[in-house]
Amino acid sequence: MTRPLWTCPKCGRQFANVNQEHSCGDYSVEAFLQGKGANALAMYRHFVALVEVCGPVLFAPAKTRVGFQVRMIFAAVNKLTDKQLDAHVVLTRRLDSPRFRRIEALTPTCYVHHFRVHTPDELDDEVAAWLREAYHVGKQEHLNKA
């Protein structure tokens, strides 16, 4: 059985780990999107639509990004302008693709895959597949495998 998420008493964010280190603040998706142009908003909305198809999700806005969380953050929009959307997905394996700008190995089973798109059309079936896989990582299903 999965233990409930811990809620920070200061900012109200939820985490899989008790007392998880983070930056408390009054952040919102609305503030992140404020002043963004039409292409930026279209890319963001398309990304969110792909995320929400995966299942129930918590939005975890921070000072400079919006994370998408089940038990843990599995994807995020890290930068958003009219020219580009920079994002990442968290996978339990290194997935090689020329579309990834950088892959960070945080642990032997935690890889952060960074990518950039310039139009909503680039948020395609391949990105949707990454998000579906990352969603299962966010649910921490890999920890329950024997």
C-alpha atoms as a PDB file:
ATOM      1  CA  MET A   1       0.000   0.000   0.000  1.00  0.00           C
ATOM      2  CA  THR A   2       1.253   3.474  -0.851  1.00  0.00           C
ATOM      3  CA  ARG A   3       1.610   5.985   1.945  1.00  0.00           C
ATOM      4  CA  PRO A   4      -0.200   9.308   1.528  1.00  0.00           C
ATOM      5  CA  LEU A   5       1.601  12.354   0.199  1.00  0.00           C
ATOM      6  CA  TRP A   6       3.121  14.711   2.748  1.00  0.00           C
ATOM      7  CA  THR A   7       1.867  18.303   2.538  1.00  0.00           C
ATOM      8  CA  CYS A   8       4.233  21.151   3.342  1.00  0.00           C
ATOM      9  CA  PRO A   9       2.595  23.171   6.135  1.00  0.00           C
ATOM     10  CA  LYS A  10       4.042  26.429   4.756  1.00  0.00           C
ATOM     11  CA  CYS A  11       3.205  26.316   1.041  1.00  0.00           C
ATOM     12  CA  GLY A  12       0.740  23.441   0.729  1.00  0.00           C
ATOM     13  CA  ARG A  13       2.708  21.508  -1.925  1.00  0.00           C
ATOM     14  CA  GLN A  14       2.514  17.757  -1.715  1.00  0.00           C
ATOM     15  CA  PHE A  15       5.467  15.360  -1.825  1.00  0.00           C
ATOM     16  CA  ALA A  16       6.125  11.626  -1.730  1.00  0.00           C
ATOM     17  CA  ASN A  17       8.762  12.171   0.998  1.00  0.00           C
ATOM     18  CA  VAL A  18       8.193  13.775   4.384  1.00  0.00           C
ATOM     19  CA  ASN A  19      10.028  17.091   4.795  1.00  0.00           C
ATOM     20  CA  GLN A  20      11.250  16.997   1.199  1.00  0.00           C
ATOM     21  CA  GLU A  21      13.547  19.904   0.434  1.00  0.00           C
ATOM     22  CA  HIS A  22      11.955  22.503  -1.832  1.00  0.00           C
ATOM     23  CA  SER A  23      11.486  26.232  -2.284  1.00  0.00           C
ATOM     24  CA  CYS A  24       8.304  27.360  -0.590  1.00  0.00           C
ATOM     25  CA  GLY A  25       6.483  30.108  -2.374  1.00  0.00           C
ATOM     26  CA  ASP A  26       3.184  31.373  -3.614  1.00  0.00           C
ATOM     27  CA  TYR A  27       3.528  30.210  -7.227  1.00  0.00           C
ATOM     28  CA  SER A  28       0.768  29.631  -9.760  1.00  0.00           C
ATOM     29  CA  VAL A  29       0.305  28.412 -13.294  1.00  0.00           C
ATOM     30  CA  GLU A  30      -1.404  31.712 -14.050  1.00  0.00           C
ATOM     31  CA  ALA A  31       1.675  33.686 -12.981  1.00  0.00           C
ATOM     32  CA  PHE A  32       3.920  31.393 -15.057  1.00  0.00           C
ATOM     33  CA  LEU A  33       1.746  32.018 -18.140  1.00  0.00           C
ATOM     34  CA  GLN A  34       1.295  35.747 -17.569  1.00  0.00           C
ATOM     35  CA  GLY A  35       2.398  37.821 -20.564  1.00  0.00           C
ATOM     36  CA  LYS A  36       3.045  34.792 -22.796  1.00  0.00           C
ATOM     37  CA  GLY A  37       2.216  35.059 -26.487  1.00  0.00           C
ATOM     38  CA  ALA A  38      -0.185  32.986 -28.556  1.00  0.00           C
ATOM     39  CA  ASN A  39       2.363  30.377 -29.697  1.00  0.00           C
ATOM     40  CA  ALA A  40       3.673  29.919 -26.160  1.00  0.00           C
ATOM     41  CA  LEU A  41       0.165  29.404 -24.821  1.00  0.00           C
ATOM     42  CA  ALA A  42      -0.696  26.978 -27.634  1.00  0.00           C
ATOM     43  CA  MET A  43       2.409  24.892 -26.908  1.00  0.00           C
ATOM     44  CA  TYR A  44       1.719  24.890 -23.168  1.00  0.00           C
ATOM     45  CA  ARG A  45      -1.942  23.901 -23.622  1.00  0.00           C
ATOM     46  CA  HIS A  46      -0.987  21.096 -26.005  1.00  0.00           C
ATOM     47  CA  PHE A  47       1.637  19.813 -23.548  1.00  0.00           C
ATOM     48  CA  VAL A  48      -0.909  19.871 -20.705  1.00  0.00           C
ATOM     49  CA  ALA A  49      -3.441  18.007 -22.854  1.00  0.00           C
ATOM     50  CA  LEU A  50      -0.882  15.243 -23.463  1.00  0.00           C
ATOM     51  CA  VAL A  51      -0.088  15.096 -19.737  1.00  0.00           C
ATOM     52  CA  GLU A  52      -3.743  14.924 -18.702  1.00  0.00           C
ATOM     53  CA  VAL A  53      -4.437  11.991 -21.045  1.00  0.00           C
ATOM     54  CA  CYS A  54      -2.048   9.956 -18.859  1.00  0.00           C
ATOM     55  CA  GLY A  55      -4.317  10.183 -15.811  1.00  0.00           C
ATOM     56  CA  PRO A  56      -4.994  12.378 -12.792  1.00  0.00           C
ATOM     57  CA  VAL A  57      -2.207  14.884 -12.247  1.00  0.00           C
ATOM     58  CA  LEU A  58      -1.249  17.586  -9.769  1.00  0.00           C
ATOM     59  CA  PHE A  59       0.139  20.866 -11.078  1.00  0.00           C
ATOM     60  CA  ALA A  60       3.266  21.884  -9.174  1.00  0.00           C
ATOM     61  CA  PRO A  61       4.176  25.433 -10.196  1.00  0.00           C
ATOM     62  CA  ALA A  62       7.479  26.816  -8.957  1.00  0.00           C
ATOM     63  CA  LYS A  63       9.272  30.116  -9.486  1.00  0.00           C
ATOM     64  CA  THR A  64      10.517  29.323 -13.004  1.00  0.00           C
ATOM     65  CA  ARG A  65       8.596  26.231 -14.150  1.00  0.00           C
ATOM     66  CA  VAL A  66       5.453  24.143 -13.919  1.00  0.00           C
ATOM     67  CA  GLY A  67       5.889  20.561 -12.800  1.00  0.00           C
ATOM     68  CA  PHE A  68       3.396  17.769 -13.341  1.00  0.00           C
ATOM     69  CA  GLN A  69       3.098  15.330 -10.477  1.00  0.00           C
ATOM     70  CA  VAL A  70       1.409  12.105  -9.474  1.00  0.00           C
ATOM     71  CA  ARG A  71       3.377  11.047  -6.392  1.00  0.00           C
ATOM     72  CA  MET A  72       6.530  12.694  -7.708  1.00  0.00           C
ATOM     73  CA  ILE A  73       7.104  15.153 -10.544  1.00  0.00           C
ATOM     74  CA  PHE A  74       7.428  13.190 -13.757  1.00  0.00           C
ATOM     75  CA  ALA A  75       7.527  16.042 -16.273  1.00  0.00           C
ATOM     76  CA  ALA A  76       7.850  19.801 -16.339  1.00  0.00           C
ATOM     77  CA  VAL A  77       7.740  22.823 -18.591  1.00  0.00           C
ATOM     78  CA  ASN A  78      10.964  24.572 -17.636  1.00  0.00           C
ATOM     79  CA  LYS A  79      10.922  27.538 -19.992  1.00  0.00           C
ATOM     80  CA  LEU A  80       8.213  28.954 -22.206  1.00  0.00           C
ATOM     81  CA  THR A  81       8.497  31.680 -24.814  1.00  0.00           C
ATOM     82  CA  ASP A  82       6.780  32.284 -28.133  1.00  0.00           C
ATOM     83  CA  LYS A  83       9.789  30.655 -29.814  1.00  0.00           C
ATOM     84  CA  GLN A  84      10.156  27.530 -27.677  1.00  0.00           C
ATOM     85  CA  LEU A  85       8.932  25.281 -24.916  1.00  0.00           C
ATOM     86  CA  ASP A  86      11.698  23.610 -22.918  1.00  0.00           C
ATOM     87  CA  ALA A  87      10.532  20.578 -20.975  1.00  0.00           C
ATOM     88  CA  HIS A  88      11.706  17.361 -19.397  1.00  0.00           C
ATOM     89  CA  VAL A  89      10.440  13.888 -18.577  1.00  0.00           C
ATOM     90  CA  VAL A  90      11.749  11.585 -15.862  1.00  0.00           C
ATOM     91  CA  LEU A  91      12.292   7.951 -16.859  1.00  0.00           C
ATOM     92  CA  THR A  92      13.807   4.925 -15.132  1.00  0.00           C
ATOM     93  CA  ARG A  93      15.997   4.255 -18.152  1.00  0.00           C
ATOM     94  CA  ARG A  94      18.145   6.242 -20.517  1.00  0.00           C
ATOM     95  CA  LEU A  95      16.179   6.656 -23.729  1.00  0.00           C
ATOM     96  CA  ASP A  96      18.329   7.753 -26.637  1.00  0.00           C
ATOM     97  CA  SER A  97      16.660  10.064 -29.136  1.00  0.00           C
ATOM     98  CA  PRO A  98      18.095  12.898 -31.202  1.00  0.00           C
ATOM     99  CA  ARG A  99      15.233  15.015 -29.835  1.00  0.00           C
ATOM    100  CA  PHE A 100      16.746  15.054 -26.347  1.00  0.00           C
ATOM    101  CA  ARG A 101      19.034  18.014 -25.786  1.00  0.00           C
ATOM    102  CA  ARG A 102      20.484  16.585 -22.593  1.00  0.00           C
ATOM    103  CA  ILE A 103      20.009  13.513 -20.407  1.00  0.00           C
ATOM    104  CA  GLU A 104      20.943  13.684 -16.726  1.00  0.00           C
ATOM    105  CA  ALA A 105      21.505  10.478 -14.785  1.00  0.00           C
ATOM    106  CA  LEU A 106      20.449  11.310 -11.222  1.00  0.00           C
ATOM    107  CA  THR A 107      20.661   7.693 -10.048  1.00  0.00           C
ATOM    108  CA  PRO A 108      21.071   4.364 -11.864  1.00  0.00           C
ATOM    109  CA  THR A 109      17.276   4.285 -12.259  1.00  0.00           C
ATOM    110  CA  CYS A 110      16.422   7.980 -12.638  1.00  0.00           C
ATOM    111  CA  TYR A 111      17.121   9.837 -15.876  1.00  0.00           C
ATOM    112  CA  VAL A 112      15.911  13.345 -16.669  1.00  0.00           C
ATOM    113  CA  HIS A 113      15.456  13.781 -20.431  1.00  0.00           C
ATOM    114  CA  HIS A 114      15.397  17.425 -21.585  1.00  0.00           C
ATOM    115  CA  PHE A 115      13.867  18.465 -24.895  1.00  0.00           C
ATOM    116  CA  ARG A 116      12.718  21.554 -26.760  1.00  0.00           C
ATOM    117  CA  VAL A 117       9.872  22.167 -29.184  1.00  0.00           C
ATOM    118  CA  HIS A 118       9.081  25.224 -31.275  1.00  0.00           C
ATOM    119  CA  THR A 119       5.495  24.523 -32.354  1.00  0.00           C
ATOM    120  CA  PRO A 120       2.520  22.653 -30.891  1.00  0.00           C
ATOM    121  CA  ASP A 121       2.800  20.126 -33.756  1.00  0.00           C
ATOM    122  CA  GLU A 122       6.150  18.959 -32.374  1.00  0.00           C
ATOM    123  CA  LEU A 123       4.272  17.720 -29.296  1.00  0.00           C
ATOM    124  CA  ASP A 124       3.472  14.536 -31.174  1.00  0.00           C
ATOM    125  CA  ASP A 125       2.933  10.815 -30.549  1.00  0.00           C
ATOM    126  CA  GLU A 126       6.582  10.349 -29.589  1.00  0.00           C
ATOM    127  CA  VAL A 127       6.347  13.006 -26.853  1.00  0.00           C
ATOM    128  CA  ALA A 128       3.019  11.507 -25.746  1.00  0.00           C
ATOM    129  CA  ALA A 129       4.744   8.109 -25.359  1.00  0.00           C
ATOM    130  CA  TRP A 130       7.503   9.675 -23.233  1.00  0.00           C
ATOM    131  CA  LEU A 131       4.879  11.301 -21.031  1.00  0.00           C
ATOM    132  CA  ARG A 132       2.939   8.043 -20.592  1.00  0.00           C
ATOM    133  CA  GLU A 133       6.106   6.236 -19.519  1.00  0.00           C
ATOM    134  CA  ALA A 134       7.106   9.114 -17.240  1.00  0.00           C
ATOM    135  CA  TYR A 135       3.628   9.146 -15.665  1.00  0.00           C
ATOM    136  CA  HIS A 136       4.212   5.589 -14.410  1.00  0.00           C
ATOM    137  CA  VAL A 137       7.530   6.757 -12.954  1.00  0.00           C
ATOM    138  CA  GLY A 138       5.653   9.595 -11.260  1.00  0.00           C
ATOM    139  CA  LYS A 139       3.311   7.030  -9.719  1.00  0.00           C
ATOM    140  CA  GLN A 140       6.465   5.283  -8.430  1.00  0.00           C
ATOM    141  CA  GLU A 141       5.286   1.981  -9.889  1.00  0.00           C
ATOM    142  CA  HIS A 142       8.913   0.977 -10.478  1.00  0.00           C
ATOM    143  CA  LEU A 143       9.450   0.834  -6.697  1.00  0.00           C
ATOM    144  CA  ASN A 144       6.801  -1.878  -6.321  1.00  0.00           C
ATOM    145  CA  LYS A 145       8.439  -4.296  -8.759  1.00  0.00           C
ATOM    146  CA  ALA A 146      10.191  -7.212  -7.115  1.00  0.00           C
END
